[in-house]
Amino acid sequence: MNNPTVSLSVQRKEAQHRHSDMREERASTVAIGRFYACLMQAKVWASQAALSVGLGVSKAHVSRHLKAARLPDEVIKTFGDDRRISFRTIDLLEQLSKEIGEDRLRQHAIQLGMRKDLSPRDILVALATGSASELPSQVVRLSVHRGERYIRLDSPHIRRLSKDLPNLEAKLNLALKLLGFDV
């Protein structure tokens, strides 16, 4: 990005266009963070604050993306696709790195390899422990989608489960009743 024959204003305009394209393409947090880091290293903008003004984003936005750019490559590869790494995951990885050390975190990531088969949450657990074998095997995973009034049930055994939905529903209602819900 830093080309002495190209004026700073031209570099900034190019950066603004590239930034706009990346946002339109919904580039990953890590990719945007690395882009910001390149801009900072090339001194296209002198500070994070100047970068945020130049690109029309908040200082917090720049800071959070730069944090993503600092993640070790080995850890990013563990997720299989850097689009699976959210800001929350980045914060948890930073906390984990402080607790077990970055070298140990890298070592665990190398041991795990790429794990597209695991959820980001399970990858975090495996990175903390150093082993995916310690993860509890799950038959179902429940999730709620923002603004919706239903629960989604995912399972590798969905065909078997769907054959016995009335029984599953009865057991879920019983569990909810035991948890204090009015069913």
N, C-alpha and C. Protein backbone atom coordinates (compact mmCIF):
# COMPACT_ATOMS: atom_id res chain seq x y z
N MET A 1 0.83 -1.19 0.00
CA MET A 1 0.00 0.00 0.00
C MET A 1 0.87 1.24 0.00
N ASN A 2 2.04 1.19 0.66
CA ASN A 2 2.89 2.38 0.74
C ASN A 2 3.81 2.43 -0.47
N ASN A 3 3.48 3.30 -1.40
CA ASN A 3 4.25 3.48 -2.62
C ASN A 3 4.71 4.93 -2.65
N PRO A 4 6.03 5.17 -2.58
CA PRO A 4 6.53 6.55 -2.49
C PRO A 4 6.17 7.39 -3.72
N THR A 5 5.90 6.76 -4.85
CA THR A 5 5.58 7.53 -6.06
C THR A 5 4.11 7.92 -6.12
N VAL A 6 3.30 7.36 -5.24
CA VAL A 6 1.86 7.68 -5.21
C VAL A 6 1.60 8.58 -4.02
N SER A 7 0.91 9.68 -4.26
CA SER A 7 0.67 10.63 -3.18
C SER A 7 -0.20 10.01 -2.08
N LEU A 8 -0.07 10.57 -0.90
CA LEU A 8 -0.83 10.09 0.25
C LEU A 8 -2.33 10.21 0.00
N SER A 9 -2.76 11.28 -0.64
CA SER A 9 -4.20 11.45 -0.90
C SER A 9 -4.72 10.37 -1.85
N VAL A 10 -3.91 9.97 -2.83
CA VAL A 10 -4.31 8.89 -3.75
C VAL A 10 -4.37 7.57 -2.99
N GLN A 11 -3.38 7.32 -2.12
CA GLN A 11 -3.38 6.09 -1.31
C GLN A 11 -4.62 6.03 -0.42
N ARG A 12 -4.98 7.16 0.14
CA ARG A 12 -6.16 7.20 1.02
C ARG A 12 -7.44 6.95 0.23
N LYS A 13 -7.54 7.53 -0.96
CA LYS A 13 -8.73 7.30 -1.80
C LYS A 13 -8.83 5.83 -2.18
N GLU A 14 -7.70 5.23 -2.56
CA GLU A 14 -7.68 3.80 -2.89
C GLU A 14 -8.09 2.96 -1.68
N ALA A 15 -7.60 3.33 -0.52
CA ALA A 15 -7.94 2.60 0.71
C ALA A 15 -9.43 2.73 1.00
N GLN A 16 -9.99 3.92 0.81
CA GLN A 16 -11.43 4.12 1.04
C GLN A 16 -12.27 3.27 0.09
N HIS A 17 -11.86 3.21 -1.16
CA HIS A 17 -12.59 2.38 -2.13
C HIS A 17 -12.49 0.90 -1.78
N ARG A 18 -11.28 0.47 -1.42
CA ARG A 18 -11.09 -0.95 -1.05
C ARG A 18 -11.90 -1.27 0.20
N HIS A 19 -11.91 -0.36 1.14
CA HIS A 19 -12.67 -0.57 2.38
C HIS A 19 -14.16 -0.70 2.06
N SER A 20 -14.64 0.16 1.20
CA SER A 20 -16.05 0.10 0.79
C SER A 20 -16.37 -1.24 0.13
N ASP A 21 -15.47 -1.69 -0.74
CA ASP A 21 -15.66 -2.98 -1.42
C ASP A 21 -15.67 -4.12 -0.41
N MET A 22 -14.76 -4.08 0.55
CA MET A 22 -14.69 -5.15 1.55
C MET A 22 -15.97 -5.20 2.38
N ARG A 23 -16.50 -4.06 2.73
CA ARG A 23 -17.73 -4.03 3.52
C ARG A 23 -18.90 -4.55 2.70
N GLU A 24 -18.94 -4.17 1.41
CA GLU A 24 -19.99 -4.67 0.53
C GLU A 24 -19.93 -6.18 0.37
N GLU A 25 -18.71 -6.69 0.26
CA GLU A 25 -18.49 -8.13 0.09
C GLU A 25 -18.67 -8.89 1.41
N ARG A 26 -18.88 -8.15 2.49
CA ARG A 26 -18.98 -8.73 3.82
C ARG A 26 -17.73 -9.54 4.17
N ALA A 27 -16.60 -8.89 3.98
CA ALA A 27 -15.31 -9.51 4.31
C ALA A 27 -15.29 -9.85 5.80
N SER A 28 -14.50 -10.83 6.14
CA SER A 28 -14.43 -11.27 7.53
C SER A 28 -13.80 -10.19 8.41
N THR A 29 -14.04 -10.32 9.68
CA THR A 29 -13.46 -9.42 10.68
C THR A 29 -11.94 -9.48 10.61
N VAL A 30 -11.41 -10.67 10.43
CA VAL A 30 -9.95 -10.84 10.35
C VAL A 30 -9.41 -10.15 9.10
N ALA A 31 -10.07 -10.33 7.95
CA ALA A 31 -9.60 -9.72 6.70
C ALA A 31 -9.61 -8.19 6.80
N ILE A 32 -10.67 -7.65 7.35
CA ILE A 32 -10.75 -6.19 7.51
C ILE A 32 -9.67 -5.72 8.50
N GLY A 33 -9.48 -6.48 9.57
CA GLY A 33 -8.44 -6.13 10.54
C GLY A 33 -7.05 -6.13 9.92
N ARG A 34 -6.78 -7.11 9.08
CA ARG A 34 -5.46 -7.15 8.42
C ARG A 34 -5.30 -5.98 7.44
N PHE A 35 -6.40 -5.61 6.78
CA PHE A 35 -6.38 -4.45 5.89
C PHE A 35 -6.04 -3.19 6.70
N TYR A 36 -6.71 -3.01 7.83
CA TYR A 36 -6.43 -1.86 8.68
C TYR A 36 -4.97 -1.87 9.15
N ALA A 37 -4.47 -3.05 9.53
CA ALA A 37 -3.08 -3.17 9.99
C ALA A 37 -2.10 -2.77 8.88
N CYS A 38 -2.39 -3.16 7.65
CA CYS A 38 -1.54 -2.77 6.51
C CYS A 38 -1.54 -1.25 6.33
N LEU A 39 -2.72 -0.66 6.46
CA LEU A 39 -2.82 0.79 6.32
C LEU A 39 -2.01 1.50 7.41
N MET A 40 -2.07 0.97 8.62
CA MET A 40 -1.33 1.56 9.73
C MET A 40 0.18 1.39 9.51
N GLN A 41 0.59 0.19 9.09
CA GLN A 41 2.00 -0.09 8.88
C GLN A 41 2.57 0.78 7.75
N ALA A 42 1.75 0.99 6.70
CA ALA A 42 2.19 1.81 5.57
C ALA A 42 2.09 3.30 5.87
N LYS A 43 1.57 3.63 7.04
CA LYS A 43 1.41 5.03 7.48
C LYS A 43 0.53 5.84 6.52
N VAL A 44 -0.49 5.16 5.98
CA VAL A 44 -1.47 5.87 5.15
C VAL A 44 -2.23 6.84 6.05
N TRP A 45 -2.49 6.41 7.28
CA TRP A 45 -3.00 7.30 8.33
C TRP A 45 -2.06 7.13 9.52
N ALA A 46 -1.86 8.21 10.24
CA ALA A 46 -0.85 8.23 11.31
C ALA A 46 -1.29 7.51 12.58
N SER A 47 -2.59 7.37 12.79
CA SER A 47 -3.07 6.77 14.04
C SER A 47 -4.39 6.03 13.78
N GLN A 48 -4.79 5.25 14.77
CA GLN A 48 -6.08 4.56 14.67
C GLN A 48 -7.21 5.58 14.59
N ALA A 49 -7.08 6.66 15.33
CA ALA A 49 -8.12 7.70 15.31
C ALA A 49 -8.23 8.32 13.92
N ALA A 50 -7.09 8.62 13.31
CA ALA A 50 -7.09 9.20 11.96
C ALA A 50 -7.64 8.19 10.95
N LEU A 51 -7.29 6.93 11.12
CA LEU A 51 -7.81 5.88 10.24
C LEU A 51 -9.33 5.80 10.35
N SER A 52 -9.84 5.86 11.56
CA SER A 52 -11.30 5.77 11.75
C SER A 52 -12.01 6.93 11.08
N VAL A 53 -11.45 8.13 11.19
CA VAL A 53 -12.04 9.30 10.54
C VAL A 53 -11.94 9.16 9.02
N GLY A 54 -10.79 8.74 8.53
CA GLY A 54 -10.56 8.60 7.10
C GLY A 54 -11.47 7.58 6.44
N LEU A 55 -11.81 6.53 7.18
CA LEU A 55 -12.67 5.48 6.61
C LEU A 55 -14.13 5.62 7.03
N GLY A 56 -14.40 6.58 7.91
CA GLY A 56 -15.78 6.81 8.32
C GLY A 56 -16.35 5.75 9.23
N VAL A 57 -15.50 5.21 10.11
CA VAL A 57 -15.94 4.21 11.09
C VAL A 57 -15.49 4.67 12.47
N SER A 58 -16.03 4.06 13.50
CA SER A 58 -15.67 4.47 14.86
C SER A 58 -14.28 3.97 15.24
N LYS A 59 -13.70 4.62 16.24
CA LYS A 59 -12.40 4.19 16.76
C LYS A 59 -12.50 2.77 17.34
N ALA A 60 -13.63 2.48 17.99
CA ALA A 60 -13.84 1.15 18.56
C ALA A 60 -13.87 0.10 17.45
N HIS A 61 -14.50 0.44 16.34
CA HIS A 61 -14.57 -0.47 15.19
C HIS A 61 -13.16 -0.81 14.71
N VAL A 62 -12.33 0.20 14.56
CA VAL A 62 -10.95 -0.01 14.11
C VAL A 62 -10.20 -0.86 15.13
N SER A 63 -10.32 -0.51 16.39
CA SER A 63 -9.62 -1.23 17.46
C SER A 63 -10.00 -2.71 17.50
N ARG A 64 -11.28 -3.00 17.39
CA ARG A 64 -11.74 -4.40 17.46
C ARG A 64 -11.24 -5.20 16.26
N HIS A 65 -11.23 -4.57 15.09
CA HIS A 65 -10.74 -5.27 13.90
C HIS A 65 -9.23 -5.49 13.97
N LEU A 66 -8.51 -4.51 14.50
CA LEU A 66 -7.06 -4.68 14.65
C LEU A 66 -6.75 -5.81 15.63
N LYS A 67 -7.59 -5.97 16.65
CA LYS A 67 -7.42 -7.08 17.59
C LYS A 67 -7.56 -8.42 16.84
N ALA A 68 -8.49 -8.48 15.89
CA ALA A 68 -8.67 -9.69 15.08
C ALA A 68 -7.44 -9.96 14.23
N ALA A 69 -6.83 -8.89 13.72
CA ALA A 69 -5.64 -9.04 12.87
C ALA A 69 -4.45 -9.61 13.64
N ARG A 70 -4.46 -9.44 14.96
CA ARG A 70 -3.34 -9.92 15.78
C ARG A 70 -3.49 -11.39 16.18
N LEU A 71 -4.60 -12.01 15.84
CA LEU A 71 -4.76 -13.43 16.17
C LEU A 71 -3.69 -14.25 15.44
N PRO A 72 -3.11 -15.23 16.11
CA PRO A 72 -2.13 -16.08 15.43
C PRO A 72 -2.77 -16.84 14.27
N ASP A 73 -2.02 -16.98 13.17
CA ASP A 73 -2.52 -17.70 11.99
C ASP A 73 -2.97 -19.11 12.33
N GLU A 74 -2.22 -19.78 13.21
CA GLU A 74 -2.57 -21.16 13.58
C GLU A 74 -3.96 -21.23 14.20
N VAL A 75 -4.29 -20.24 15.00
CA VAL A 75 -5.59 -20.20 15.66
C VAL A 75 -6.69 -19.93 14.64
N ILE A 76 -6.45 -18.99 13.75
CA ILE A 76 -7.43 -18.68 12.71
C ILE A 76 -7.71 -19.91 11.86
N LYS A 77 -6.67 -20.63 11.50
CA LYS A 77 -6.82 -21.82 10.65
C LYS A 77 -7.66 -22.90 11.33
N THR A 78 -7.62 -22.95 12.64
CA THR A 78 -8.39 -23.95 13.38
C THR A 78 -9.89 -23.83 13.08
N PHE A 79 -10.37 -22.61 12.86
CA PHE A 79 -11.79 -22.38 12.60
C PHE A 79 -12.18 -22.76 11.17
N GLY A 80 -11.20 -22.97 10.31
CA GLY A 80 -11.50 -23.41 8.94
C GLY A 80 -11.87 -22.27 8.01
N ASP A 81 -12.59 -21.32 8.52
CA ASP A 81 -13.02 -20.16 7.73
C ASP A 81 -13.03 -18.98 8.69
N ASP A 82 -12.27 -17.95 8.36
CA ASP A 82 -12.18 -16.82 9.29
C ASP A 82 -13.49 -16.07 9.44
N ARG A 83 -14.47 -16.35 8.60
CA ARG A 83 -15.80 -15.73 8.77
C ARG A 83 -16.53 -16.31 9.99
N ARG A 84 -16.05 -17.42 10.51
CA ARG A 84 -16.66 -18.03 11.70
C ARG A 84 -16.18 -17.37 12.98
N ILE A 85 -15.26 -16.41 12.86
CA ILE A 85 -14.68 -15.77 14.03
C ILE A 85 -15.37 -14.43 14.26
N SER A 86 -16.17 -14.36 15.31
CA SER A 86 -16.92 -13.15 15.65
C SER A 86 -16.10 -12.29 16.63
N PHE A 87 -16.59 -11.08 16.88
CA PHE A 87 -15.93 -10.23 17.87
C PHE A 87 -15.92 -10.91 19.24
N ARG A 88 -17.00 -11.57 19.59
CA ARG A 88 -17.07 -12.28 20.88
C ARG A 88 -16.01 -13.37 20.94
N THR A 89 -15.86 -14.11 19.83
CA THR A 89 -14.84 -15.16 19.78
C THR A 89 -13.45 -14.56 19.92
N ILE A 90 -13.22 -13.41 19.29
CA ILE A 90 -11.93 -12.73 19.39
C ILE A 90 -11.64 -12.35 20.84
N ASP A 91 -12.64 -11.80 21.51
CA ASP A 91 -12.47 -11.43 22.92
C ASP A 91 -12.15 -12.65 23.78
N LEU A 92 -12.85 -13.75 23.52
CA LEU A 92 -12.61 -14.98 24.28
C LEU A 92 -11.23 -15.56 23.98
N LEU A 93 -10.80 -15.47 22.72
CA LEU A 93 -9.46 -15.95 22.36
C LEU A 93 -8.38 -15.11 23.04
N GLU A 94 -8.61 -13.81 23.12
CA GLU A 94 -7.66 -12.93 23.80
C GLU A 94 -7.56 -13.29 25.28
N GLN A 95 -8.71 -13.53 25.90
CA GLN A 95 -8.75 -13.92 27.31
C GLN A 95 -8.05 -15.26 27.50
N LEU A 96 -8.32 -16.21 26.61
CA LEU A 96 -7.71 -17.53 26.69
C LEU A 96 -6.19 -17.42 26.53
N SER A 97 -5.74 -16.59 25.61
CA SER A 97 -4.32 -16.39 25.40
C SER A 97 -3.64 -15.85 26.65
N LYS A 98 -4.32 -14.95 27.36
CA LYS A 98 -3.77 -14.42 28.61
C LYS A 98 -3.70 -15.49 29.68
N GLU A 99 -4.70 -16.38 29.70
CA GLU A 99 -4.75 -17.41 30.74
C GLU A 99 -3.74 -18.52 30.53
N ILE A 100 -3.64 -19.03 29.29
CA ILE A 100 -2.75 -20.18 29.05
C ILE A 100 -1.47 -19.79 28.33
N GLY A 101 -1.39 -18.57 27.84
CA GLY A 101 -0.21 -18.11 27.11
C GLY A 101 -0.38 -18.30 25.61
N GLU A 102 0.16 -17.36 24.86
CA GLU A 102 -0.01 -17.42 23.40
C GLU A 102 0.70 -18.62 22.79
N ASP A 103 1.87 -18.98 23.33
CA ASP A 103 2.59 -20.14 22.78
C ASP A 103 1.78 -21.43 22.95
N ARG A 104 1.19 -21.58 24.13
CA ARG A 104 0.38 -22.78 24.38
C ARG A 104 -0.88 -22.77 23.52
N LEU A 105 -1.50 -21.60 23.34
CA LEU A 105 -2.67 -21.47 22.47
C LEU A 105 -2.31 -21.88 21.05
N ARG A 106 -1.18 -21.42 20.55
CA ARG A 106 -0.71 -21.80 19.21
C ARG A 106 -0.50 -23.31 19.12
N GLN A 107 0.13 -23.85 20.15
CA GLN A 107 0.42 -25.29 20.19
C GLN A 107 -0.89 -26.09 20.13
N HIS A 108 -1.88 -25.70 20.91
CA HIS A 108 -3.17 -26.37 20.89
C HIS A 108 -3.83 -26.26 19.51
N ALA A 109 -3.71 -25.09 18.90
CA ALA A 109 -4.29 -24.89 17.57
C ALA A 109 -3.63 -25.81 16.55
N ILE A 110 -2.33 -25.93 16.63
CA ILE A 110 -1.61 -26.81 15.70
C ILE A 110 -2.04 -28.26 15.90
N GLN A 111 -2.19 -28.69 17.16
CA GLN A 111 -2.63 -30.05 17.46
C GLN A 111 -4.03 -30.32 16.91
N LEU A 112 -4.92 -29.33 17.02
CA LEU A 112 -6.30 -29.51 16.56
C LEU A 112 -6.41 -29.49 15.05
N GLY A 113 -5.58 -28.68 14.40
CA GLY A 113 -5.69 -28.54 12.95
C GLY A 113 -7.00 -27.83 12.59
N MET A 114 -7.36 -27.87 11.32
CA MET A 114 -8.59 -27.23 10.87
C MET A 114 -9.78 -28.07 11.32
N ARG A 115 -10.75 -27.42 11.97
CA ARG A 115 -11.90 -28.14 12.53
C ARG A 115 -13.22 -27.51 12.12
N LYS A 116 -13.56 -27.62 10.85
CA LYS A 116 -14.85 -27.12 10.36
C LYS A 116 -16.01 -27.91 10.95
N ASP A 117 -15.71 -29.11 11.46
CA ASP A 117 -16.75 -29.96 12.02
C ASP A 117 -17.22 -29.51 13.40
N LEU A 118 -16.47 -28.62 14.02
CA LEU A 118 -16.82 -28.15 15.36
C LEU A 118 -17.39 -26.74 15.30
N SER A 119 -18.26 -26.42 16.22
CA SER A 119 -18.79 -25.06 16.32
C SER A 119 -17.67 -24.17 16.88
N PRO A 120 -17.76 -22.85 16.66
CA PRO A 120 -16.75 -21.96 17.25
C PRO A 120 -16.63 -22.13 18.77
N ARG A 121 -17.75 -22.35 19.44
CA ARG A 121 -17.74 -22.56 20.89
C ARG A 121 -16.93 -23.81 21.24
N ASP A 122 -17.16 -24.90 20.49
CA ASP A 122 -16.42 -26.14 20.75
C ASP A 122 -14.93 -25.98 20.43
N ILE A 123 -14.62 -25.19 19.42
CA ILE A 123 -13.22 -24.94 19.10
C ILE A 123 -12.55 -24.19 20.25
N LEU A 124 -13.26 -23.22 20.83
CA LEU A 124 -12.70 -22.49 21.98
C LEU A 124 -12.41 -23.44 23.14
N VAL A 125 -13.33 -24.35 23.41
CA VAL A 125 -13.12 -25.33 24.48
C VAL A 125 -11.91 -26.21 24.16
N ALA A 126 -11.83 -26.67 22.91
CA ALA A 126 -10.71 -27.52 22.50
C ALA A 126 -9.38 -26.76 22.56
N LEU A 127 -9.40 -25.49 22.20
CA LEU A 127 -8.17 -24.69 22.30
C LEU A 127 -7.75 -24.51 23.76
N ALA A 128 -8.71 -24.40 24.65
CA ALA A 128 -8.41 -24.24 26.07
C ALA A 128 -7.82 -25.52 26.66
N THR A 129 -8.38 -26.66 26.25
CA THR A 129 -7.96 -27.93 26.83
C THR A 129 -6.85 -28.61 26.04
N GLY A 130 -6.74 -28.25 24.76
CA GLY A 130 -5.75 -28.89 23.90
C GLY A 130 -6.25 -30.16 23.26
N SER A 131 -7.55 -30.46 23.43
CA SER A 131 -8.08 -31.70 22.87
C SER A 131 -9.55 -31.57 22.53
N ALA A 132 -9.90 -32.02 21.35
CA ALA A 132 -11.31 -32.04 20.96
C ALA A 132 -12.00 -33.28 21.51
N SER A 133 -11.23 -34.26 21.97
CA SER A 133 -11.83 -35.49 22.48
C SER A 133 -12.52 -35.26 23.82
N GLU A 134 -12.19 -34.15 24.50
CA GLU A 134 -12.81 -33.85 25.78
C GLU A 134 -14.16 -33.15 25.62
N LEU A 135 -14.53 -32.86 24.38
CA LEU A 135 -15.82 -32.21 24.15
C LEU A 135 -16.94 -33.21 24.35
N PRO A 136 -18.01 -32.80 25.00
CA PRO A 136 -19.14 -33.71 25.15
C PRO A 136 -19.79 -33.93 23.78
N SER A 137 -20.15 -35.17 23.51
CA SER A 137 -20.82 -35.41 22.23
C SER A 137 -22.26 -34.92 22.37
N GLN A 138 -22.71 -34.22 21.38
CA GLN A 138 -24.05 -33.65 21.42
C GLN A 138 -24.94 -34.36 20.42
N VAL A 139 -26.14 -34.68 20.87
CA VAL A 139 -27.12 -35.26 19.98
C VAL A 139 -27.92 -34.16 19.32
N VAL A 140 -28.16 -33.08 20.06
CA VAL A 140 -28.90 -31.94 19.51
C VAL A 140 -28.24 -30.64 19.92
N ARG A 141 -28.49 -29.63 19.12
CA ARG A 141 -28.07 -28.27 19.43
C ARG A 141 -29.29 -27.39 19.21
N LEU A 142 -29.65 -26.59 20.20
CA LEU A 142 -30.79 -25.69 20.12
C LEU A 142 -30.30 -24.26 19.93
N SER A 143 -31.00 -23.50 19.10
CA SER A 143 -30.64 -22.10 18.91
C SER A 143 -31.91 -21.29 18.66
N VAL A 144 -31.84 -20.03 19.06
CA VAL A 144 -32.94 -19.09 18.84
C VAL A 144 -32.43 -18.02 17.91
N HIS A 145 -33.20 -17.72 16.91
CA HIS A 145 -32.82 -16.67 15.99
C HIS A 145 -33.42 -15.35 16.42
N ARG A 146 -32.61 -14.32 16.37
CA ARG A 146 -33.01 -12.99 16.83
C ARG A 146 -34.35 -12.57 16.22
N GLY A 147 -35.25 -12.14 17.06
CA GLY A 147 -36.54 -11.63 16.60
C GLY A 147 -37.55 -12.72 16.24
N GLU A 148 -37.19 -13.96 16.41
CA GLU A 148 -38.11 -15.06 16.06
C GLU A 148 -38.69 -15.67 17.33
N ARG A 149 -39.79 -16.37 17.16
CA ARG A 149 -40.46 -17.00 18.31
C ARG A 149 -40.40 -18.52 18.22
N TYR A 150 -39.34 -19.04 17.68
CA TYR A 150 -39.19 -20.48 17.61
C TYR A 150 -37.76 -20.87 17.95
N ILE A 151 -37.59 -22.13 18.30
CA ILE A 151 -36.27 -22.67 18.60
C ILE A 151 -35.91 -23.63 17.48
N ARG A 152 -34.70 -23.51 17.01
CA ARG A 152 -34.21 -24.39 15.94
C ARG A 152 -33.47 -25.55 16.60
N LEU A 153 -33.73 -26.75 16.13
CA LEU A 153 -33.07 -27.94 16.63
C LEU A 153 -32.21 -28.52 15.51
N ASP A 154 -30.91 -28.62 15.75
CA ASP A 154 -29.99 -29.21 14.79
C ASP A 154 -29.44 -30.49 15.39
N SER A 155 -29.30 -31.52 14.56
CA SER A 155 -28.76 -32.78 15.04
C SER A 155 -28.27 -33.61 13.86
N PRO A 156 -27.17 -34.32 14.06
CA PRO A 156 -26.76 -35.26 13.01
C PRO A 156 -27.72 -36.45 12.92
N HIS A 157 -28.59 -36.57 13.92
CA HIS A 157 -29.55 -37.68 13.98
C HIS A 157 -30.97 -37.19 13.73
N ILE A 158 -31.14 -36.16 12.93
CA ILE A 158 -32.45 -35.52 12.79
C ILE A 158 -33.52 -36.48 12.25
N ARG A 159 -33.15 -37.38 11.36
CA ARG A 159 -34.14 -38.33 10.82
C ARG A 159 -34.69 -39.23 11.93
N ARG A 160 -33.78 -39.74 12.76
CA ARG A 160 -34.23 -40.60 13.87
C ARG A 160 -35.08 -39.80 14.86
N LEU A 161 -34.66 -38.58 15.14
CA LEU A 161 -35.40 -37.75 16.08
C LEU A 161 -36.78 -37.39 15.55
N SER A 162 -36.86 -37.09 14.27
CA SER A 162 -38.13 -36.65 13.70
C SER A 162 -39.18 -37.77 13.72
N LYS A 163 -38.75 -39.01 13.77
CA LYS A 163 -39.70 -40.13 13.84
C LYS A 163 -40.39 -40.20 15.20
N ASP A 164 -39.77 -39.57 16.20
CA ASP A 164 -40.31 -39.67 17.56
C ASP A 164 -40.54 -38.27 18.16
N LEU A 165 -41.00 -37.33 17.35
CA LEU A 165 -41.20 -35.95 17.81
C LEU A 165 -42.18 -35.83 18.99
N PRO A 166 -43.32 -36.56 19.00
CA PRO A 166 -44.23 -36.43 20.15
C PRO A 166 -43.55 -36.80 21.48
N ASN A 167 -42.76 -37.85 21.46
CA ASN A 167 -42.04 -38.27 22.67
C ASN A 167 -40.99 -37.22 23.05
N LEU A 168 -40.27 -36.71 22.07
CA LEU A 168 -39.28 -35.67 22.32
C LEU A 168 -39.93 -34.42 22.89
N GLU A 169 -41.07 -34.03 22.32
CA GLU A 169 -41.81 -32.86 22.79
C GLU A 169 -42.27 -33.05 24.24
N ALA A 170 -42.77 -34.25 24.56
CA ALA A 170 -43.22 -34.53 25.92
C ALA A 170 -42.05 -34.43 26.91
N LYS A 171 -40.90 -34.96 26.52
CA LYS A 171 -39.74 -34.92 27.41
C LYS A 171 -39.21 -33.49 27.58
N LEU A 172 -39.25 -32.72 26.53
CA LEU A 172 -38.82 -31.33 26.62
C LEU A 172 -39.77 -30.53 27.53
N ASN A 173 -41.07 -30.76 27.38
CA ASN A 173 -42.04 -30.09 28.24
C ASN A 173 -41.85 -30.49 29.70
N LEU A 174 -41.55 -31.75 29.95
CA LEU A 174 -41.29 -32.21 31.31
C LEU A 174 -40.04 -31.51 31.87
N ALA A 175 -38.99 -31.45 31.07
CA ALA A 175 -37.76 -30.79 31.51
C ALA A 175 -38.02 -29.32 31.82
N LEU A 176 -38.80 -28.65 30.96
CA LEU A 176 -39.12 -27.24 31.19
C LEU A 176 -39.94 -27.06 32.47
N LYS A 177 -40.86 -28.00 32.71
CA LYS A 177 -41.68 -27.94 33.94
C LYS A 177 -40.78 -28.09 35.17
N LEU A 178 -39.80 -29.01 35.09
CA LEU A 178 -38.88 -29.20 36.21
C LEU A 178 -38.00 -27.98 36.44
N LEU A 179 -37.78 -27.19 35.38
CA LEU A 179 -37.01 -25.96 35.49
C LEU A 179 -37.85 -24.78 35.97
N GLY A 180 -39.15 -25.03 36.19
CA GLY A 180 -40.00 -24.00 36.73
C GLY A 180 -40.86 -23.24 35.72
N PHE A 181 -40.87 -23.67 34.47
CA PHE A 181 -41.70 -23.02 33.47
C PHE A 181 -43.13 -23.52 33.59
N ASP A 182 -44.10 -22.64 33.34
CA ASP A 182 -45.49 -23.06 33.30
C ASP A 182 -45.75 -23.67 31.93
N VAL A 183 -45.98 -24.95 31.91
CA VAL A 183 -46.20 -25.66 30.63
C VAL A 183 -47.64 -26.07 30.51
